[in-house]
Amino acid sequence: MAQYAFADPKRIIFKYLDHSTTEETRYFCLGKIGNRVCTVRFTYRRNRIRIFGAGFWRKERSIYEQRNRTKDR
């Protein structure tokens, strides 16, 4: 189900600095699935997205809503 967060046209993707290394950059994708904002932690390996965690957290939901509210103005 987490892959559907990438289909949100208002998704937000940013680097996951706390867990990136010099060998591998990790990312967050915040995207709506239905009425909820899903946070997907992922990286790129061999030109593919590798998801290694996903969930619904309030902190990331507020980031998603705040960023998209700003864009709509």
PDB file of N, CA and C in Angstrom:
ATOM      1  N   MET A   1       0.813  -1.199   0.000  1.00  0.00           N
ATOM      2  CA  MET A   1       0.000   0.000   0.000  1.00  0.00           C
ATOM      3  C   MET A   1       0.858   1.265   0.000  1.00  0.00           C
ATOM      4  N   ALA A   2       2.025   1.221   0.583  1.00  0.00           N
ATOM      5  CA  ALA A   2       2.871   2.413   0.704  1.00  0.00           C
ATOM      6  C   ALA A   2       3.208   3.031  -0.645  1.00  0.00           C
ATOM      7  N   GLN A   3       3.285   2.229  -1.685  1.00  0.00           N
ATOM      8  CA  GLN A   3       3.649   2.747  -3.002  1.00  0.00           C
ATOM      9  C   GLN A   3       2.647   3.778  -3.513  1.00  0.00           C
ATOM     10  N   TYR A   4       1.406   3.759  -3.013  1.00  0.00           N
ATOM     11  CA  TYR A   4       0.394   4.716  -3.468  1.00  0.00           C
ATOM     12  C   TYR A   4       0.705   6.147  -3.027  1.00  0.00           C
ATOM     13  N   ALA A   5       1.541   6.331  -2.020  1.00  0.00           N
ATOM     14  CA  ALA A   5       1.940   7.677  -1.594  1.00  0.00           C
ATOM     15  C   ALA A   5       2.676   8.402  -2.723  1.00  0.00           C
ATOM     16  N   PHE A   6       3.382   7.663  -3.564  1.00  0.00           N
ATOM     17  CA  PHE A   6       4.121   8.260  -4.675  1.00  0.00           C
ATOM     18  C   PHE A   6       3.189   8.762  -5.777  1.00  0.00           C
ATOM     19  N   ALA A   7       1.958   8.268  -5.806  1.00  0.00           N
ATOM     20  CA  ALA A   7       0.994   8.672  -6.839  1.00  0.00           C
ATOM     21  C   ALA A   7       0.296   9.989  -6.505  1.00  0.00           C
ATOM     22  N   ASP A   8       0.448  10.481  -5.288  1.00  0.00           N
ATOM     23  CA  ASP A   8      -0.174  11.745  -4.881  1.00  0.00           C
ATOM     24  C   ASP A   8       0.509  12.898  -5.618  1.00  0.00           C
ATOM     25  N   PRO A   9      -0.237  13.676  -6.408  1.00  0.00           N
ATOM     26  CA  PRO A   9       0.394  14.790  -7.129  1.00  0.00           C
ATOM     27  C   PRO A   9       0.948  15.873  -6.196  1.00  0.00           C
ATOM     28  N   LYS A  10       0.512  15.889  -4.945  1.00  0.00           N
ATOM     29  CA  LYS A  10       1.012  16.870  -3.978  1.00  0.00           C
ATOM     30  C   LYS A  10       2.045  16.264  -3.022  1.00  0.00           C
ATOM     31  N   ARG A  11       2.571  15.093  -3.374  1.00  0.00           N
ATOM     32  CA  ARG A  11       3.538  14.425  -2.497  1.00  0.00           C
ATOM     33  C   ARG A  11       4.744  15.326  -2.252  1.00  0.00           C
ATOM     34  N   ILE A  12       5.410  15.070  -1.159  1.00  0.00           N
ATOM     35  CA  ILE A  12       6.618  15.812  -0.803  1.00  0.00           C
ATOM     36  C   ILE A  12       7.721  14.781  -0.606  1.00  0.00           C
ATOM     37  N   ILE A  13       8.859  14.995  -1.252  1.00  0.00           N
ATOM     38  CA  ILE A  13      10.004  14.099  -1.097  1.00  0.00           C
ATOM     39  C   ILE A  13      11.185  14.926  -0.609  1.00  0.00           C
ATOM     40  N   PHE A  14      11.824  14.435   0.446  1.00  0.00           N
ATOM     41  CA  PHE A  14      13.017  15.123   0.951  1.00  0.00           C
ATOM     42  C   PHE A  14      13.989  14.106   1.534  1.00  0.00           C
ATOM     43  N   LYS A  15      15.247  14.518   1.642  1.00  0.00           N
ATOM     44  CA  LYS A  15      16.290  13.625   2.141  1.00  0.00           C
ATOM     45  C   LYS A  15      16.088  13.311   3.622  1.00  0.00           C
ATOM     46  N   TYR A  16      16.373  12.081   3.966  1.00  0.00           N
ATOM     47  CA  TYR A  16      16.317  11.569   5.333  1.00  0.00           C
ATOM     48  C   TYR A  16      17.748  11.619   5.868  1.00  0.00           C
ATOM     49  N   LEU A  17      18.181  12.799   6.252  1.00  0.00           N
ATOM     50  CA  LEU A  17      19.583  13.045   6.588  1.00  0.00           C
ATOM     51  C   LEU A  17      20.097  12.214   7.754  1.00  0.00           C
ATOM     52  N   ASP A  18      19.253  11.951   8.748  1.00  0.00           N
ATOM     53  CA  ASP A  18      19.704  11.211   9.930  1.00  0.00           C
ATOM     54  C   ASP A  18      20.154   9.792   9.612  1.00  0.00           C
ATOM     55  N   HIS A  19      19.630   9.208   8.546  1.00  0.00           N
ATOM     56  CA  HIS A  19      19.959   7.820   8.243  1.00  0.00           C
ATOM     57  C   HIS A  19      20.605   7.622   6.878  1.00  0.00           C
ATOM     58  N   SER A  20      20.977   8.695   6.211  1.00  0.00           N
ATOM     59  CA  SER A  20      21.725   8.586   4.968  1.00  0.00           C
ATOM     60  C   SER A  20      23.191   8.362   5.289  1.00  0.00           C
ATOM     61  N   THR A  21      23.884   7.718   4.369  1.00  0.00           N
ATOM     62  CA  THR A  21      25.321   7.510   4.523  1.00  0.00           C
ATOM     63  C   THR A  21      26.012   8.000   3.252  1.00  0.00           C
ATOM     64  N   THR A  22      27.323   7.949   3.247  1.00  0.00           N
ATOM     65  CA  THR A  22      28.040   8.348   2.034  1.00  0.00           C
ATOM     66  C   THR A  22      27.791   7.356   0.902  1.00  0.00           C
ATOM     67  N   GLU A  23      27.449   6.115   1.241  1.00  0.00           N
ATOM     68  CA  GLU A  23      27.176   5.099   0.224  1.00  0.00           C
ATOM     69  C   GLU A  23      25.738   5.127  -0.275  1.00  0.00           C
ATOM     70  N   GLU A  24      24.809   5.614   0.565  1.00  0.00           N
ATOM     71  CA  GLU A  24      23.394   5.541   0.194  1.00  0.00           C
ATOM     72  C   GLU A  24      22.612   6.708   0.794  1.00  0.00           C
ATOM     73  N   THR A  25      21.918   7.442  -0.056  1.00  0.00           N
ATOM     74  CA  THR A  25      21.044   8.522   0.402  1.00  0.00           C
ATOM     75  C   THR A  25      19.656   7.952   0.600  1.00  0.00           C
ATOM     76  N   ARG A  26      19.063   8.290   1.728  1.00  0.00           N
ATOM     77  CA  ARG A  26      17.699   7.840   2.026  1.00  0.00           C
ATOM     78  C   ARG A  26      16.758   9.035   1.983  1.00  0.00           C
ATOM     79  N   TYR A  27      15.488   8.739   1.765  1.00  0.00           N
ATOM     80  CA  TYR A  27      14.493   9.781   1.555  1.00  0.00           C
ATOM     81  C   TYR A  27      13.197   9.480   2.300  1.00  0.00           C
ATOM     82  N   PHE A  28      12.408  10.541   2.463  1.00  0.00           N
ATOM     83  CA  PHE A  28      11.021  10.453   2.919  1.00  0.00           C
ATOM     84  C   PHE A  28      10.129  10.833   1.748  1.00  0.00           C
ATOM     85  N   CYS A  29       9.016  10.161   1.612  1.00  0.00           N
ATOM     86  CA  CYS A  29       7.953  10.587   0.709  1.00  0.00           C
ATOM     87  C   CYS A  29       6.705  10.737   1.566  1.00  0.00           C
ATOM     88  N   LEU A  30       6.125  11.927   1.562  1.00  0.00           N
ATOM     89  CA  LEU A  30       4.866  12.166   2.262  1.00  0.00           C
ATOM     90  C   LEU A  30       3.792  12.290   1.204  1.00  0.00           C
ATOM     91  N   GLY A  31       2.823  11.398   1.231  1.00  0.00           N
ATOM     92  CA  GLY A  31       1.773  11.420   0.223  1.00  0.00           C
ATOM     93  C   GLY A  31       0.462  10.908   0.786  1.00  0.00           C
ATOM     94  N   LYS A  32      -0.628  11.434   0.267  1.00  0.00           N
ATOM     95  CA  LYS A  32      -1.952  11.015   0.738  1.00  0.00           C
ATOM     96  C   LYS A  32      -2.350   9.690   0.123  1.00  0.00           C
ATOM     97  N   ILE A  33      -2.873   8.835   0.977  1.00  0.00           N
ATOM     98  CA  ILE A  33      -3.507   7.591   0.570  1.00  0.00           C
ATOM     99  C   ILE A  33      -4.899   7.655   1.180  1.00  0.00           C
ATOM    100  N   GLY A  34      -5.892   7.850   0.340  1.00  0.00           N
ATOM    101  CA  GLY A  34      -7.245   8.083   0.860  1.00  0.00           C
ATOM    102  C   GLY A  34      -7.277   9.410   1.595  1.00  0.00           C
ATOM    103  N   ASN A  35      -7.699   9.394   2.853  1.00  0.00           N
ATOM    104  CA  ASN A  35      -7.764  10.613   3.665  1.00  0.00           C
ATOM    105  C   ASN A  35      -6.581  10.761   4.612  1.00  0.00           C
ATOM    106  N   ARG A  36      -5.622   9.845   4.536  1.00  0.00           N
ATOM    107  CA  ARG A  36      -4.503   9.868   5.480  1.00  0.00           C
ATOM    108  C   ARG A  36      -3.192  10.148   4.760  1.00  0.00           C
ATOM    109  N   VAL A  37      -2.271  10.775   5.469  1.00  0.00           N
ATOM    110  CA  VAL A  37      -0.942  11.059   4.922  1.00  0.00           C
ATOM    111  C   VAL A  37      -0.002   9.938   5.361  1.00  0.00           C
ATOM    112  N   CYS A  38       0.608   9.299   4.384  1.00  0.00           N
ATOM    113  CA  CYS A  38       1.532   8.200   4.648  1.00  0.00           C
ATOM    114  C   CYS A  38       2.968   8.710   4.520  1.00  0.00           C
ATOM    115  N   THR A  39       3.811   8.299   5.433  1.00  0.00           N
ATOM    116  CA  THR A  39       5.236   8.596   5.366  1.00  0.00           C
ATOM    117  C   THR A  39       5.953   7.334   4.921  1.00  0.00           C
ATOM    118  N   VAL A  40       6.655   7.431   3.812  1.00  0.00           N
ATOM    119  CA  VAL A  40       7.388   6.290   3.270  1.00  0.00           C
ATOM    120  C   VAL A  40       8.873   6.612   3.326  1.00  0.00           C
ATOM    121  N   ARG A  41       9.645   5.728   3.933  1.00  0.00           N
ATOM    122  CA  ARG A  41      11.098   5.874   3.958  1.00  0.00           C
ATOM    123  C   ARG A  41      11.644   4.955   2.860  1.00  0.00           C
ATOM    124  N   PHE A  42      12.502   5.532   1.999  1.00  0.00           N
ATOM    125  CA  PHE A  42      12.970   4.753   0.849  1.00  0.00           C
ATOM    126  C   PHE A  42      14.338   5.203   0.392  1.00  0.00           C
ATOM    127  N   THR A  43      14.904   4.422  -0.512  1.00  0.00           N
ATOM    128  CA  THR A  43      16.157   4.752  -1.163  1.00  0.00           C
ATOM    129  C   THR A  43      16.075   4.269  -2.612  1.00  0.00           C
ATOM    130  N   TYR A  44      17.073   4.606  -3.400  1.00  0.00           N
ATOM    131  CA  TYR A  44      17.169   4.114  -4.768  1.00  0.00           C
ATOM    132  C   TYR A  44      18.285   3.082  -4.822  1.00  0.00           C
ATOM    133  N   ARG A  45      17.973   1.916  -5.368  1.00  0.00           N
ATOM    134  CA  ARG A  45      18.985   0.878  -5.575  1.00  0.00           C
ATOM    135  C   ARG A  45      18.791   0.290  -6.963  1.00  0.00           C
ATOM    136  N   ARG A  46      19.860   0.288  -7.725  1.00  0.00           N
ATOM    137  CA  ARG A  46      19.825  -0.231  -9.103  1.00  0.00           C
ATOM    138  C   ARG A  46      18.665   0.368  -9.894  1.00  0.00           C
ATOM    139  N   ASN A  47      18.528   1.687  -9.817  1.00  0.00           N
ATOM    140  CA  ASN A  47      17.494   2.445 -10.539  1.00  0.00           C
ATOM    141  C   ASN A  47      16.070   2.062 -10.166  1.00  0.00           C
ATOM    142  N   ARG A  48      15.887   1.534  -8.979  1.00  0.00           N
ATOM    143  CA  ARG A  48      14.550   1.213  -8.475  1.00  0.00           C
ATOM    144  C   ARG A  48      14.378   1.810  -7.084  1.00  0.00           C
ATOM    145  N   ILE A  49      13.137   2.099  -6.758  1.00  0.00           N
ATOM    146  CA  ILE A  49      12.831   2.575  -5.411  1.00  0.00           C
ATOM    147  C   ILE A  49      12.739   1.364  -4.493  1.00  0.00           C
ATOM    148  N   ARG A  50      13.473   1.402  -3.378  1.00  0.00           N
ATOM    149  CA  ARG A  50      13.391   0.353  -2.369  1.00  0.00           C
ATOM    150  C   ARG A  50      12.786   0.965  -1.113  1.00  0.00           C
ATOM    151  N   ILE A  51      11.585   0.535  -0.777  1.00  0.00           N
ATOM    152  CA  ILE A  51      10.896   1.021   0.428  1.00  0.00           C
ATOM    153  C   ILE A  51      11.362   0.184   1.611  1.00  0.00           C
ATOM    154  N   PHE A  52      11.775   0.850   2.686  1.00  0.00           N
ATOM    155  CA  PHE A  52      12.191   0.100   3.868  1.00  0.00           C
ATOM    156  C   PHE A  52      11.387   0.447   5.101  1.00  0.00           C
ATOM    157  N   GLY A  53      10.376   1.289   4.961  1.00  0.00           N
ATOM    158  CA  GLY A  53       9.494   1.590   6.085  1.00  0.00           C
ATOM    159  C   GLY A  53       8.391   2.533   5.669  1.00  0.00           C
ATOM    160  N   ALA A  54       7.234   2.382   6.305  1.00  0.00           N
ATOM    161  CA  ALA A  54       6.108   3.265   6.008  1.00  0.00           C
ATOM    162  C   ALA A  54       5.154   3.264   7.191  1.00  0.00           C
ATOM    163  N   GLY A  55       4.434   4.354   7.321  1.00  0.00           N
ATOM    164  CA  GLY A  55       3.459   4.450   8.400  1.00  0.00           C
ATOM    165  C   GLY A  55       2.722   5.771   8.349  1.00  0.00           C
ATOM    166  N   PHE A  56       1.800   5.923   9.263  1.00  0.00           N
ATOM    167  CA  PHE A  56       0.990   7.131   9.363  1.00  0.00           C
ATOM    168  C   PHE A  56       1.340   7.817  10.685  1.00  0.00           C
ATOM    169  N   TRP A  57       2.067   8.950  10.601  1.00  0.00           N
ATOM    170  CA  TRP A  57       2.493   9.671  11.795  1.00  0.00           C
ATOM    171  C   TRP A  57       1.995  11.107  11.759  1.00  0.00           C
ATOM    172  N   ARG A  58       1.622  11.617  12.905  1.00  0.00           N
ATOM    173  CA  ARG A  58       1.070  12.981  12.995  1.00  0.00           C
ATOM    174  C   ARG A  58       2.075  14.056  12.606  1.00  0.00           C
ATOM    175  N   LYS A  59       3.323  13.904  13.010  1.00  0.00           N
ATOM    176  CA  LYS A  59       4.327  14.936  12.729  1.00  0.00           C
ATOM    177  C   LYS A  59       4.466  15.159  11.218  1.00  0.00           C
ATOM    178  N   GLU A  60       4.610  14.073  10.472  1.00  0.00           N
ATOM    179  CA  GLU A  60       4.771  14.201   9.034  1.00  0.00           C
ATOM    180  C   GLU A  60       3.486  14.682   8.371  1.00  0.00           C
ATOM    181  N   ARG A  61       2.345  14.322   8.933  1.00  0.00           N
ATOM    182  CA  ARG A  61       1.064  14.809   8.393  1.00  0.00           C
ATOM    183  C   ARG A  61       1.011  16.335   8.473  1.00  0.00           C
ATOM    184  N   SER A  62       1.450  16.881   9.610  1.00  0.00           N
ATOM    185  CA  SER A  62       1.419  18.342   9.757  1.00  0.00           C
ATOM    186  C   SER A  62       2.383  19.011   8.778  1.00  0.00           C
ATOM    187  N   ILE A  63       3.534  18.387   8.504  1.00  0.00           N
ATOM    188  CA  ILE A  63       4.475  18.925   7.508  1.00  0.00           C
ATOM    189  C   ILE A  63       3.813  18.935   6.138  1.00  0.00           C
ATOM    190  N   TYR A  64       3.178  17.824   5.771  1.00  0.00           N
ATOM    191  CA  TYR A  64       2.499  17.713   4.476  1.00  0.00           C
ATOM    192  C   TYR A  64       1.425  18.783   4.345  1.00  0.00           C
ATOM    193  N   GLU A  65       0.589  18.913   5.354  1.00  0.00           N
ATOM    194  CA  GLU A  65      -0.508  19.886   5.293  1.00  0.00           C
ATOM    195  C   GLU A  65       0.012  21.315   5.244  1.00  0.00           C
ATOM    196  N   GLN A  66       1.031  21.623   6.030  1.00  0.00           N
ATOM    197  CA  GLN A  66       1.589  22.974   6.048  1.00  0.00           C
ATOM    198  C   GLN A  66       2.215  23.323   4.688  1.00  0.00           C
ATOM    199  N   ARG A  67       3.004  22.423   4.120  1.00  0.00           N
ATOM    200  CA  ARG A  67       3.652  22.694   2.829  1.00  0.00           C
ATOM    201  C   ARG A  67       2.626  22.854   1.716  1.00  0.00           C
ATOM    202  N   ASN A  68       1.589  22.027   1.711  1.00  0.00           N
ATOM    203  CA  ASN A  68       0.600  22.100   0.650  1.00  0.00           C
ATOM    204  C   ASN A  68      -0.335  23.286   0.841  1.00  0.00           C
ATOM    205  N   ARG A  69      -0.546  23.714   2.051  1.00  0.00           N
ATOM    206  CA  ARG A  69      -1.355  24.922   2.305  1.00  0.00           C
ATOM    207  C   ARG A  69      -0.615  26.126   1.741  1.00  0.00           C
ATOM    208  N   THR A  70       0.689  26.167   1.921  1.00  0.00           N
ATOM    209  CA  THR A  70       1.514  27.269   1.423  1.00  0.00           C
ATOM    210  C   THR A  70       1.503  27.293  -0.114  1.00  0.00           C
ATOM    211  N   LYS A  71       1.568  26.131  -0.754  1.00  0.00           N
ATOM    212  CA  LYS A  71       1.582  26.039  -2.212  1.00  0.00           C
ATOM    213  C   LYS A  71       0.267  26.475  -2.820  1.00  0.00           C
ATOM    214  N   ASP A  72      -0.842  26.247  -2.113  1.00  0.00           N
ATOM    215  CA  ASP A  72      -2.160  26.593  -2.644  1.00  0.00           C
ATOM    216  C   ASP A  72      -2.441  28.088  -2.623  1.00  0.00           C
ATOM    217  N   ARG A  73      -1.648  28.853  -1.931  1.00  0.00           N
ATOM    218  CA  ARG A  73      -1.900  30.296  -1.814  1.00  0.00           C
ATOM    219  C   ARG A  73      -1.431  31.033  -3.021  1.00  0.00           C
TER     220      ARG A  73
END
